[in-house]
N, C-alpha and C. Protein backbone atom coordinates (compact mmCIF):
# COMPACT_ATOMS: atom_id res chain seq x y z
N MET A 1 198.07 73.69 77.01
CA MET A 1 197.12 74.79 77.31
C MET A 1 196.86 74.91 78.80
N ALA A 2 196.92 76.07 79.30
CA ALA A 2 196.77 76.28 80.82
C ALA A 2 195.29 76.06 81.15
N ARG A 3 195.06 75.51 82.33
CA ARG A 3 193.66 75.34 82.78
C ARG A 3 193.11 76.68 83.20
N PRO A 4 191.82 76.91 83.00
CA PRO A 4 191.23 78.16 83.43
C PRO A 4 191.32 78.28 84.97
N ARG A 5 191.47 79.54 85.44
CA ARG A 5 191.70 79.79 86.85
C ARG A 5 190.37 79.62 87.67
N GLY A 6 189.24 79.67 87.04
CA GLY A 6 187.96 79.45 87.74
C GLY A 6 187.52 80.72 88.43
N VAL A 7 188.11 81.03 89.53
CA VAL A 7 187.73 82.20 90.36
C VAL A 7 188.81 83.27 90.15
N GLU A 8 188.43 84.43 89.67
CA GLU A 8 189.39 85.50 89.40
C GLU A 8 190.02 85.97 90.74
N ASP A 9 191.24 86.44 90.61
CA ASP A 9 191.93 87.01 91.79
C ASP A 9 191.15 88.14 92.43
N ALA A 10 190.51 88.95 91.60
CA ALA A 10 189.74 90.11 92.19
C ALA A 10 188.65 89.60 93.09
N VAL A 11 188.00 88.50 92.72
CA VAL A 11 186.97 87.91 93.60
C VAL A 11 187.50 87.45 94.89
N ILE A 12 188.66 86.78 94.80
CA ILE A 12 189.31 86.30 96.00
C ILE A 12 189.74 87.45 96.92
N LEU A 13 190.26 88.50 96.35
CA LEU A 13 190.71 89.66 97.17
C LEU A 13 189.51 90.34 97.83
N ARG A 14 188.41 90.48 97.12
CA ARG A 14 187.18 91.04 97.75
C ARG A 14 186.76 90.14 98.93
N ALA A 15 186.79 88.83 98.70
CA ALA A 15 186.42 87.90 99.78
C ALA A 15 187.39 88.01 100.94
N ALA A 16 188.66 88.21 100.64
CA ALA A 16 189.69 88.34 101.74
C ALA A 16 189.33 89.57 102.60
N ALA A 17 188.96 90.67 101.93
CA ALA A 17 188.62 91.88 102.67
C ALA A 17 187.38 91.66 103.53
N GLU A 18 186.40 90.88 103.03
CA GLU A 18 185.20 90.62 103.80
C GLU A 18 185.52 89.74 105.03
N VAL A 19 186.34 88.71 104.81
CA VAL A 19 186.77 87.82 105.87
C VAL A 19 187.52 88.63 106.97
N MET A 20 188.39 89.56 106.49
CA MET A 20 189.11 90.39 107.35
C MET A 20 188.20 91.16 108.32
N GLY A 21 187.13 91.71 107.77
CA GLY A 21 186.16 92.47 108.58
C GLY A 21 185.40 91.68 109.55
N ARG A 22 185.22 90.38 109.21
CA ARG A 22 184.43 89.49 110.13
C ARG A 22 185.29 88.89 111.23
N THR A 23 186.57 88.62 110.91
CA THR A 23 187.36 87.82 111.80
C THR A 23 188.53 88.57 112.48
N GLY A 24 189.05 89.60 111.86
CA GLY A 24 190.27 90.20 112.37
C GLY A 24 191.43 89.35 112.09
N PRO A 25 192.63 89.79 112.49
CA PRO A 25 193.86 89.01 112.16
C PRO A 25 193.87 87.62 112.76
N VAL A 26 193.26 87.43 113.93
CA VAL A 26 193.36 86.13 114.62
C VAL A 26 192.59 85.07 113.78
N GLY A 27 191.47 85.37 113.22
CA GLY A 27 190.68 84.39 112.51
C GLY A 27 190.91 84.38 111.04
N PHE A 28 191.75 85.21 110.54
CA PHE A 28 191.99 85.33 109.11
C PHE A 28 192.95 84.21 108.65
N THR A 29 192.40 83.28 107.91
CA THR A 29 193.22 82.15 107.43
C THR A 29 192.93 81.96 105.95
N LEU A 30 193.86 81.31 105.26
CA LEU A 30 193.62 80.93 103.88
C LEU A 30 192.38 80.07 103.73
N ALA A 31 192.21 79.17 104.71
CA ALA A 31 190.97 78.31 104.66
C ALA A 31 189.66 79.09 104.76
N ALA A 32 189.70 80.14 105.63
CA ALA A 32 188.49 80.96 105.72
C ALA A 32 188.23 81.72 104.42
N VAL A 33 189.24 82.20 103.78
CA VAL A 33 189.05 82.94 102.51
C VAL A 33 188.63 81.96 101.45
N ALA A 34 189.26 80.77 101.39
CA ALA A 34 188.91 79.76 100.40
C ALA A 34 187.44 79.35 100.56
N ASP A 35 187.01 79.15 101.78
CA ASP A 35 185.64 78.77 102.04
C ASP A 35 184.66 79.87 101.47
N GLU A 36 185.09 81.10 101.62
CA GLU A 36 184.24 82.24 101.16
C GLU A 36 183.99 82.19 99.64
N VAL A 37 184.95 81.71 98.91
CA VAL A 37 184.82 81.71 97.46
C VAL A 37 184.64 80.30 96.88
N GLY A 38 184.51 79.30 97.72
CA GLY A 38 184.27 77.93 97.19
C GLY A 38 185.50 77.26 96.67
N LEU A 39 186.65 77.56 97.19
CA LEU A 39 187.90 76.90 96.75
C LEU A 39 188.50 76.16 97.94
N VAL A 40 189.60 75.48 97.71
CA VAL A 40 190.37 74.90 98.81
C VAL A 40 191.57 75.77 99.10
N ALA A 41 192.10 75.69 100.35
CA ALA A 41 193.14 76.56 100.74
C ALA A 41 194.38 76.33 99.86
N GLY A 42 194.58 75.11 99.37
CA GLY A 42 195.75 74.82 98.53
C GLY A 42 195.75 75.61 97.25
N THR A 43 194.57 75.93 96.72
CA THR A 43 194.48 76.76 95.54
C THR A 43 195.04 78.18 95.81
N LEU A 44 194.72 78.68 96.98
CA LEU A 44 195.20 80.01 97.35
C LEU A 44 196.71 80.01 97.61
N VAL A 45 197.23 78.86 98.10
CA VAL A 45 198.67 78.74 98.29
C VAL A 45 199.34 78.77 96.91
N GLN A 46 198.76 78.08 95.96
CA GLN A 46 199.32 78.02 94.63
C GLN A 46 199.35 79.44 94.00
N ARG A 47 198.29 80.24 94.24
CA ARG A 47 198.22 81.56 93.64
C ARG A 47 199.03 82.62 94.33
N PHE A 48 198.96 82.57 95.68
CA PHE A 48 199.54 83.70 96.46
C PHE A 48 200.75 83.29 97.32
N GLY A 49 201.00 82.00 97.44
CA GLY A 49 202.16 81.49 98.14
C GLY A 49 201.94 81.29 99.63
N SER A 50 201.23 82.18 100.27
CA SER A 50 201.04 82.16 101.72
C SER A 50 199.96 83.16 102.14
N LYS A 51 199.63 83.14 103.39
CA LYS A 51 198.67 84.15 103.89
C LYS A 51 199.27 85.50 103.75
N ARG A 52 200.52 85.70 103.98
CA ARG A 52 201.19 87.01 103.85
C ARG A 52 201.16 87.41 102.34
N GLY A 53 201.37 86.46 101.49
CA GLY A 53 201.30 86.74 100.03
C GLY A 53 199.93 87.21 99.62
N LEU A 54 198.88 86.65 100.20
CA LEU A 54 197.53 87.10 99.94
C LEU A 54 197.32 88.49 100.47
N LEU A 55 197.85 88.79 101.70
CA LEU A 55 197.69 90.12 102.26
C LEU A 55 198.44 91.13 101.42
N LEU A 56 199.62 90.77 100.87
CA LEU A 56 200.33 91.71 100.00
C LEU A 56 199.55 91.99 98.71
N ALA A 57 198.97 90.94 98.15
CA ALA A 57 198.17 91.08 96.89
C ALA A 57 196.97 91.99 97.20
N LEU A 58 196.36 91.83 98.35
CA LEU A 58 195.22 92.70 98.75
C LEU A 58 195.69 94.15 98.90
N ALA A 59 196.86 94.32 99.49
CA ALA A 59 197.41 95.68 99.69
C ALA A 59 197.66 96.32 98.31
N GLU A 60 198.20 95.54 97.38
CA GLU A 60 198.49 96.10 96.05
C GLU A 60 197.18 96.46 95.36
N GLN A 61 196.16 95.64 95.50
CA GLN A 61 194.88 95.91 94.86
C GLN A 61 194.25 97.18 95.49
N SER A 62 194.40 97.34 96.79
CA SER A 62 193.89 98.52 97.49
C SER A 62 194.53 99.75 96.94
N ALA A 63 195.82 99.69 96.67
CA ALA A 63 196.52 100.84 96.08
C ALA A 63 195.96 101.17 94.70
N ARG A 64 195.75 100.17 93.89
CA ARG A 64 195.17 100.41 92.55
C ARG A 64 193.77 101.04 92.66
N ASP A 65 192.99 100.45 93.55
CA ASP A 65 191.61 101.01 93.77
C ASP A 65 191.64 102.40 94.25
N ALA A 66 192.57 102.77 95.10
CA ALA A 66 192.64 104.13 95.63
C ALA A 66 192.91 105.15 94.51
N ASP A 67 193.67 104.70 93.51
CA ASP A 67 193.90 105.62 92.37
C ASP A 67 192.71 105.75 91.43
N ALA A 68 191.91 104.66 91.34
CA ALA A 68 190.81 104.64 90.36
C ALA A 68 189.54 105.27 90.93
N LEU A 69 189.29 105.16 92.24
CA LEU A 69 188.02 105.57 92.81
C LEU A 69 187.69 107.04 92.62
N PRO A 70 188.65 107.96 92.79
CA PRO A 70 188.30 109.39 92.70
C PRO A 70 187.67 109.82 91.36
N ALA A 71 188.18 109.24 90.29
CA ALA A 71 187.61 109.62 88.95
C ALA A 71 186.16 109.10 88.82
N ARG A 72 185.91 107.88 89.32
CA ARG A 72 184.58 107.38 89.24
C ARG A 72 183.61 108.18 90.09
N VAL A 73 184.09 108.60 91.28
CA VAL A 73 183.24 109.41 92.17
C VAL A 73 182.96 110.78 91.56
N ARG A 74 183.98 111.39 91.00
CA ARG A 74 183.83 112.72 90.46
C ARG A 74 182.79 112.75 89.29
N GLN A 75 182.81 111.72 88.47
CA GLN A 75 181.88 111.66 87.35
C GLN A 75 180.40 111.61 87.79
N ALA A 76 180.18 111.17 89.01
CA ALA A 76 178.79 110.97 89.46
C ALA A 76 178.24 112.23 90.19
N HIS A 77 179.03 113.28 90.35
CA HIS A 77 178.59 114.44 91.08
C HIS A 77 178.79 115.71 90.32
N GLY A 78 177.85 116.65 90.58
CA GLY A 78 177.89 117.96 89.92
C GLY A 78 178.96 118.88 90.49
N THR A 79 179.27 118.79 91.74
CA THR A 79 180.27 119.67 92.37
C THR A 79 181.41 118.84 92.95
N ALA A 80 182.55 119.51 93.10
CA ALA A 80 183.70 118.86 93.66
C ALA A 80 183.50 118.53 95.16
N LEU A 81 182.81 119.38 95.89
CA LEU A 81 182.59 119.13 97.31
C LEU A 81 181.58 117.96 97.53
N ASP A 82 180.65 117.87 96.63
CA ASP A 82 179.75 116.70 96.74
C ASP A 82 180.50 115.40 96.44
N ALA A 83 181.38 115.47 95.45
CA ALA A 83 182.23 114.29 95.17
C ALA A 83 183.16 114.00 96.34
N LEU A 84 183.68 115.00 96.99
CA LEU A 84 184.56 114.82 98.15
C LEU A 84 183.81 114.08 99.28
N GLU A 85 182.59 114.50 99.52
CA GLU A 85 181.82 113.84 100.60
C GLU A 85 181.64 112.37 100.27
N THR A 86 181.27 112.05 99.04
CA THR A 86 181.11 110.66 98.70
C THR A 86 182.42 109.89 98.76
N LEU A 87 183.52 110.51 98.31
CA LEU A 87 184.82 109.83 98.40
C LEU A 87 185.17 109.50 99.83
N VAL A 88 184.99 110.48 100.73
CA VAL A 88 185.37 110.25 102.13
C VAL A 88 184.53 109.06 102.72
N VAL A 89 183.23 109.06 102.42
CA VAL A 89 182.38 107.97 102.92
C VAL A 89 182.78 106.65 102.28
N ASP A 90 182.97 106.62 100.99
CA ASP A 90 183.30 105.39 100.29
C ASP A 90 184.63 104.80 100.78
N LEU A 91 185.59 105.69 101.07
CA LEU A 91 186.91 105.19 101.54
C LEU A 91 186.88 104.63 102.97
N THR A 92 185.92 105.14 103.74
CA THR A 92 185.96 104.81 105.18
C THR A 92 184.79 103.91 105.65
N ASP A 93 183.67 103.95 104.92
CA ASP A 93 182.44 103.34 105.41
C ASP A 93 182.31 101.85 105.00
N GLN A 94 183.38 101.27 104.46
CA GLN A 94 183.23 99.85 104.00
C GLN A 94 182.94 98.93 105.19
N PRO A 95 183.62 99.10 106.31
CA PRO A 95 183.19 98.22 107.42
C PRO A 95 181.78 98.68 107.90
N ALA A 96 180.86 97.82 107.94
CA ALA A 96 179.47 98.20 108.27
C ALA A 96 179.17 98.26 109.77
N THR A 97 180.05 97.66 110.61
CA THR A 97 179.79 97.61 112.02
C THR A 97 181.01 98.09 112.77
N PRO A 98 180.81 98.50 114.03
CA PRO A 98 182.06 98.81 114.81
C PRO A 98 182.97 97.66 114.98
N GLU A 99 182.45 96.47 115.05
CA GLU A 99 183.33 95.29 115.15
C GLU A 99 184.19 95.07 113.90
N SER A 100 183.60 95.23 112.72
CA SER A 100 184.35 95.06 111.48
C SER A 100 185.37 96.20 111.31
N PHE A 101 184.98 97.41 111.76
CA PHE A 101 185.95 98.53 111.77
C PHE A 101 187.13 98.17 112.67
N ALA A 102 186.87 97.61 113.84
CA ALA A 102 187.99 97.27 114.73
C ALA A 102 188.87 96.22 114.10
N HIS A 103 188.26 95.24 113.39
CA HIS A 103 189.04 94.16 112.75
C HIS A 103 189.96 94.77 111.67
N HIS A 104 189.42 95.67 110.86
CA HIS A 104 190.25 96.28 109.86
C HIS A 104 191.32 97.16 110.48
N LEU A 105 191.03 97.79 111.57
CA LEU A 105 192.03 98.57 112.28
C LEU A 105 193.12 97.71 112.83
N ALA A 106 192.78 96.54 113.29
CA ALA A 106 193.81 95.56 113.74
C ALA A 106 194.76 95.16 112.60
N PHE A 107 194.23 95.02 111.41
CA PHE A 107 195.07 94.75 110.24
C PHE A 107 195.97 95.92 109.93
N LEU A 108 195.45 97.14 110.16
CA LEU A 108 196.30 98.33 109.88
C LEU A 108 197.50 98.32 110.88
N CYS A 109 197.24 97.87 112.15
CA CYS A 109 198.37 97.80 113.04
C CYS A 109 199.45 96.83 112.55
N THR A 110 198.99 95.75 111.88
CA THR A 110 199.94 94.84 111.29
C THR A 110 200.70 95.50 110.17
N ASP A 111 199.98 96.27 109.35
CA ASP A 111 200.62 96.98 108.26
C ASP A 111 201.76 97.92 108.77
N LEU A 112 201.46 98.55 109.90
CA LEU A 112 202.42 99.56 110.46
C LEU A 112 203.70 98.91 110.94
N THR A 113 203.66 97.59 111.27
CA THR A 113 204.87 96.90 111.79
C THR A 113 205.57 96.09 110.75
N ASP A 114 204.99 95.90 109.57
CA ASP A 114 205.57 95.09 108.50
C ASP A 114 206.02 96.07 107.42
N PRO A 115 207.35 96.21 107.16
CA PRO A 115 207.80 97.23 106.22
C PRO A 115 207.15 97.14 104.83
N GLU A 116 206.95 95.95 104.32
CA GLU A 116 206.39 95.81 102.97
C GLU A 116 204.92 96.16 102.95
N LEU A 117 204.20 95.70 103.93
CA LEU A 117 202.77 96.07 104.06
C LEU A 117 202.60 97.55 104.31
N ARG A 118 203.51 98.13 105.14
CA ARG A 118 203.40 99.57 105.38
C ARG A 118 203.61 100.39 104.13
N ARG A 119 204.55 99.91 103.27
CA ARG A 119 204.80 100.62 102.03
C ARG A 119 203.53 100.70 101.20
N HIS A 120 202.80 99.61 101.11
CA HIS A 120 201.54 99.60 100.37
C HIS A 120 200.49 100.48 101.05
N ALA A 121 200.41 100.38 102.35
CA ALA A 121 199.43 101.22 103.07
C ALA A 121 199.74 102.69 102.85
N LEU A 122 201.01 103.06 102.83
CA LEU A 122 201.42 104.44 102.58
C LEU A 122 201.02 104.88 101.15
N VAL A 123 201.14 103.99 100.20
CA VAL A 123 200.75 104.30 98.81
C VAL A 123 199.22 104.62 98.81
N VAL A 124 198.44 103.76 99.51
CA VAL A 124 196.97 104.03 99.58
C VAL A 124 196.69 105.38 100.20
N HIS A 125 197.39 105.63 101.33
CA HIS A 125 197.18 106.88 102.07
C HIS A 125 197.50 108.08 101.20
N GLU A 126 198.65 108.02 100.51
CA GLU A 126 199.03 109.14 99.66
C GLU A 126 198.10 109.33 98.44
N ALA A 127 197.60 108.22 97.90
CA ALA A 127 196.69 108.31 96.79
C ALA A 127 195.35 108.97 97.23
N GLN A 128 194.94 108.56 98.44
CA GLN A 128 193.70 109.21 98.96
C GLN A 128 193.91 110.69 99.23
N ARG A 129 195.08 111.03 99.74
CA ARG A 129 195.37 112.45 100.02
C ARG A 129 195.34 113.24 98.71
N ARG A 130 195.98 112.72 97.66
CA ARG A 130 196.01 113.42 96.36
C ARG A 130 194.55 113.64 95.88
N ALA A 131 193.76 112.62 96.04
CA ALA A 131 192.34 112.71 95.58
C ALA A 131 191.61 113.82 96.32
N VAL A 132 191.80 113.81 97.62
CA VAL A 132 191.12 114.83 98.46
C VAL A 132 191.59 116.22 98.08
N GLU A 133 192.93 116.41 97.97
CA GLU A 133 193.43 117.71 97.63
C GLU A 133 193.01 118.18 96.23
N ALA A 134 192.96 117.24 95.27
CA ALA A 134 192.51 117.57 93.92
C ALA A 134 191.08 118.08 93.92
N LEU A 135 190.24 117.40 94.67
CA LEU A 135 188.81 117.82 94.72
C LEU A 135 188.71 119.17 95.43
N LEU A 136 189.54 119.40 96.49
CA LEU A 136 189.50 120.71 97.12
C LEU A 136 190.01 121.81 96.23
N ALA A 137 191.09 121.52 95.43
CA ALA A 137 191.60 122.51 94.48
C ALA A 137 190.56 122.80 93.47
N GLU A 138 189.83 121.80 92.98
CA GLU A 138 188.77 122.01 92.01
C GLU A 138 187.65 122.89 92.62
N ALA A 139 187.28 122.56 93.87
CA ALA A 139 186.28 123.35 94.54
C ALA A 139 186.70 124.81 94.75
N LEU A 140 187.98 124.99 94.97
CA LEU A 140 188.47 126.41 95.10
C LEU A 140 188.40 127.10 93.77
N ALA A 141 188.81 126.46 92.71
CA ALA A 141 188.76 127.04 91.36
C ALA A 141 187.34 127.36 90.91
N GLU A 142 186.39 126.55 91.35
CA GLU A 142 184.98 126.70 90.92
C GLU A 142 184.21 127.68 91.87
N GLY A 143 184.91 128.18 92.88
CA GLY A 143 184.26 129.17 93.77
C GLY A 143 183.45 128.55 94.91
N GLU A 144 183.60 127.23 95.11
CA GLU A 144 182.91 126.61 96.26
C GLU A 144 183.62 126.96 97.58
N LEU A 145 184.92 127.18 97.50
CA LEU A 145 185.69 127.51 98.70
C LEU A 145 186.16 128.96 98.64
N ARG A 146 186.42 129.54 99.75
CA ARG A 146 186.87 130.94 99.83
C ARG A 146 188.22 131.10 99.14
N PRO A 147 188.43 132.22 98.48
CA PRO A 147 189.75 132.52 97.87
C PRO A 147 190.79 132.48 98.93
N GLY A 148 191.96 131.93 98.61
CA GLY A 148 193.05 131.84 99.53
C GLY A 148 193.09 130.61 100.39
N THR A 149 192.03 129.77 100.27
CA THR A 149 192.02 128.52 101.06
C THR A 149 193.26 127.71 100.72
N ASP A 150 193.96 127.25 101.76
CA ASP A 150 195.14 126.39 101.59
C ASP A 150 194.63 124.94 101.44
N THR A 151 194.53 124.52 100.20
CA THR A 151 193.90 123.21 99.96
C THR A 151 194.79 122.05 100.46
N GLY A 152 196.12 122.25 100.52
CA GLY A 152 197.02 121.24 101.01
C GLY A 152 196.80 121.02 102.49
N ALA A 153 196.74 122.10 103.24
CA ALA A 153 196.54 122.00 104.71
C ALA A 153 195.15 121.49 104.98
N LEU A 154 194.17 121.90 104.21
CA LEU A 154 192.80 121.43 104.42
C LEU A 154 192.68 119.91 104.09
N ALA A 155 193.44 119.43 103.09
CA ALA A 155 193.43 118.02 102.76
C ALA A 155 193.96 117.22 103.93
N ASP A 156 195.01 117.68 104.60
CA ASP A 156 195.58 117.01 105.73
C ASP A 156 194.53 116.95 106.83
N THR A 157 193.82 118.06 107.06
CA THR A 157 192.79 118.09 108.09
C THR A 157 191.64 117.13 107.78
N VAL A 158 191.21 117.10 106.55
CA VAL A 158 190.14 116.18 106.14
C VAL A 158 190.56 114.72 106.38
N GLN A 159 191.77 114.38 106.03
CA GLN A 159 192.20 113.00 106.29
C GLN A 159 192.22 112.70 107.80
N ALA A 160 192.80 113.62 108.60
CA ALA A 160 192.87 113.40 110.03
C ALA A 160 191.48 113.31 110.65
N VAL A 161 190.58 114.16 110.25
CA VAL A 161 189.19 114.10 110.78
C VAL A 161 188.48 112.86 110.35
N THR A 162 188.70 112.44 109.18
CA THR A 162 188.08 111.19 108.63
C THR A 162 188.52 109.99 109.50
N ALA A 163 189.82 109.86 109.71
CA ALA A 163 190.36 108.74 110.52
C ALA A 163 189.87 108.82 111.94
N GLY A 164 189.89 109.99 112.50
CA GLY A 164 189.43 110.14 113.89
C GLY A 164 187.95 109.90 114.05
N THR A 165 187.17 110.28 113.08
CA THR A 165 185.73 110.03 113.12
C THR A 165 185.46 108.53 113.25
N GLY A 166 186.17 107.75 112.47
CA GLY A 166 185.99 106.30 112.53
C GLY A 166 186.25 105.72 113.93
N LEU A 167 187.35 106.20 114.51
CA LEU A 167 187.68 105.71 115.86
C LEU A 167 186.63 106.13 116.88
N VAL A 168 186.21 107.37 116.85
CA VAL A 168 185.20 107.83 117.83
C VAL A 168 183.91 107.07 117.64
N TRP A 169 183.50 106.90 116.37
CA TRP A 169 182.29 106.20 116.07
C TRP A 169 182.39 104.75 116.59
N ALA A 170 183.53 104.10 116.39
CA ALA A 170 183.66 102.69 116.85
C ALA A 170 183.54 102.65 118.37
N LEU A 171 183.91 103.71 119.10
CA LEU A 171 183.74 103.74 120.54
C LEU A 171 182.33 104.05 121.00
N ASP A 172 181.76 105.17 120.50
CA ASP A 172 180.44 105.58 120.99
C ASP A 172 179.27 105.02 120.28
N ARG A 173 179.49 104.61 119.02
CA ARG A 173 178.52 103.91 118.20
C ARG A 173 177.21 104.66 118.03
N ARG A 174 177.34 106.03 117.89
CA ARG A 174 176.14 106.77 117.69
C ARG A 174 176.00 107.07 116.18
N ASP A 175 174.79 106.87 115.66
CA ASP A 175 174.45 107.02 114.26
C ASP A 175 175.24 106.05 113.45
N ALA A 176 175.02 106.10 112.11
CA ALA A 176 175.80 105.28 111.21
C ALA A 176 177.12 106.00 110.87
N LEU A 177 178.12 105.24 110.53
CA LEU A 177 179.42 105.88 110.29
C LEU A 177 179.30 106.87 109.12
N ALA A 178 178.53 106.54 108.10
CA ALA A 178 178.41 107.50 106.97
C ALA A 178 177.80 108.80 107.44
N VAL A 179 176.82 108.76 108.33
CA VAL A 179 176.19 109.95 108.82
C VAL A 179 177.25 110.81 109.58
N ARG A 180 178.06 110.18 110.43
CA ARG A 180 179.05 110.85 111.20
C ARG A 180 180.10 111.47 110.26
N LEU A 181 180.54 110.72 109.28
CA LEU A 181 181.58 111.25 108.37
C LEU A 181 181.04 112.47 107.60
N ARG A 182 179.80 112.42 107.14
CA ARG A 182 179.30 113.60 106.42
C ARG A 182 179.18 114.82 107.39
N ARG A 183 178.75 114.58 108.62
CA ARG A 183 178.57 115.66 109.51
C ARG A 183 179.96 116.29 109.91
N GLU A 184 180.92 115.46 110.14
CA GLU A 184 182.24 115.98 110.51
C GLU A 184 182.95 116.68 109.38
N LEU A 185 182.78 116.13 108.15
CA LEU A 185 183.37 116.78 106.99
C LEU A 185 182.66 118.16 106.75
N ALA A 186 181.35 118.19 106.93
CA ALA A 186 180.68 119.49 106.76
C ALA A 186 181.21 120.51 107.78
N ALA A 187 181.45 120.10 109.04
CA ALA A 187 181.98 120.96 110.05
C ALA A 187 183.36 121.50 109.63
N VAL A 188 184.21 120.63 109.14
CA VAL A 188 185.54 121.04 108.71
C VAL A 188 185.52 122.05 107.57
N LEU A 189 184.61 121.76 106.62
CA LEU A 189 184.56 122.63 105.43
C LEU A 189 183.79 123.96 105.66
N SER A 190 182.98 123.99 106.70
CA SER A 190 182.08 125.17 106.88
C SER A 190 182.88 126.49 106.95
N ALA A 191 184.03 126.52 107.57
CA ALA A 191 184.80 127.78 107.67
C ALA A 191 185.46 128.15 106.34
N HIS A 192 185.48 127.26 105.40
CA HIS A 192 186.19 127.52 104.14
C HIS A 192 185.23 127.70 102.98
N ARG A 193 183.98 127.40 103.16
CA ARG A 193 183.03 127.46 102.06
C ARG A 193 182.74 128.94 101.73
N ASN A 194 182.52 129.21 100.47
CA ASN A 194 182.04 130.49 100.05
C ASN A 194 180.55 130.59 100.40
N PRO A 195 180.12 131.71 100.94
CA PRO A 195 178.67 131.78 101.22
C PRO A 195 177.92 131.74 99.89
N PRO A 196 176.71 131.16 99.87
CA PRO A 196 175.92 131.10 98.65
C PRO A 196 175.56 132.48 98.19
N GLU A 197 175.53 132.67 96.89
CA GLU A 197 175.17 133.96 96.33
C GLU A 197 173.71 134.28 96.62
N ALA A 198 173.43 135.54 96.86
CA ALA A 198 172.05 135.94 97.14
C ALA A 198 171.20 135.80 95.90
């Protein structure tokens, strides 16, 4: 009979993401993640093989989460555009400080240079885009957006503005990131919204 695993992989992967935000790539070690969850680094080696193996597992989990989040967000909101706002904030506002945002951005740079990690990052990006476009298409069908709105082009703009807002916020550090994201999204959508009925 196999011994119980003790700490689930999902707990370890959440801890890995938290350590990532605190330390960046330089301080991210199996030992740091193991300490976070009360294990020894050898246990993580047995499960994931290496630090890179842990990063790949985290990337795969991020891809699964990206597919599952939109449905959960949509269920909690009355309108598609309200759900879109929450989705944008939830996808981007996980780092709570400019420093943790910078650390996650440093990991993204690693993703861009490693073909396997980049493949997973692209899966996450594409899943997020599909979710944004689906909510925009729903908003168009429900009359929240003006007839003829190109939801594909608007989804591209929303993603670009979301990424850019994080970078600008990390530099100027004005307001909370969630506040900035909501404000910039509202600005992007303002030209496409249907005016409220009298």
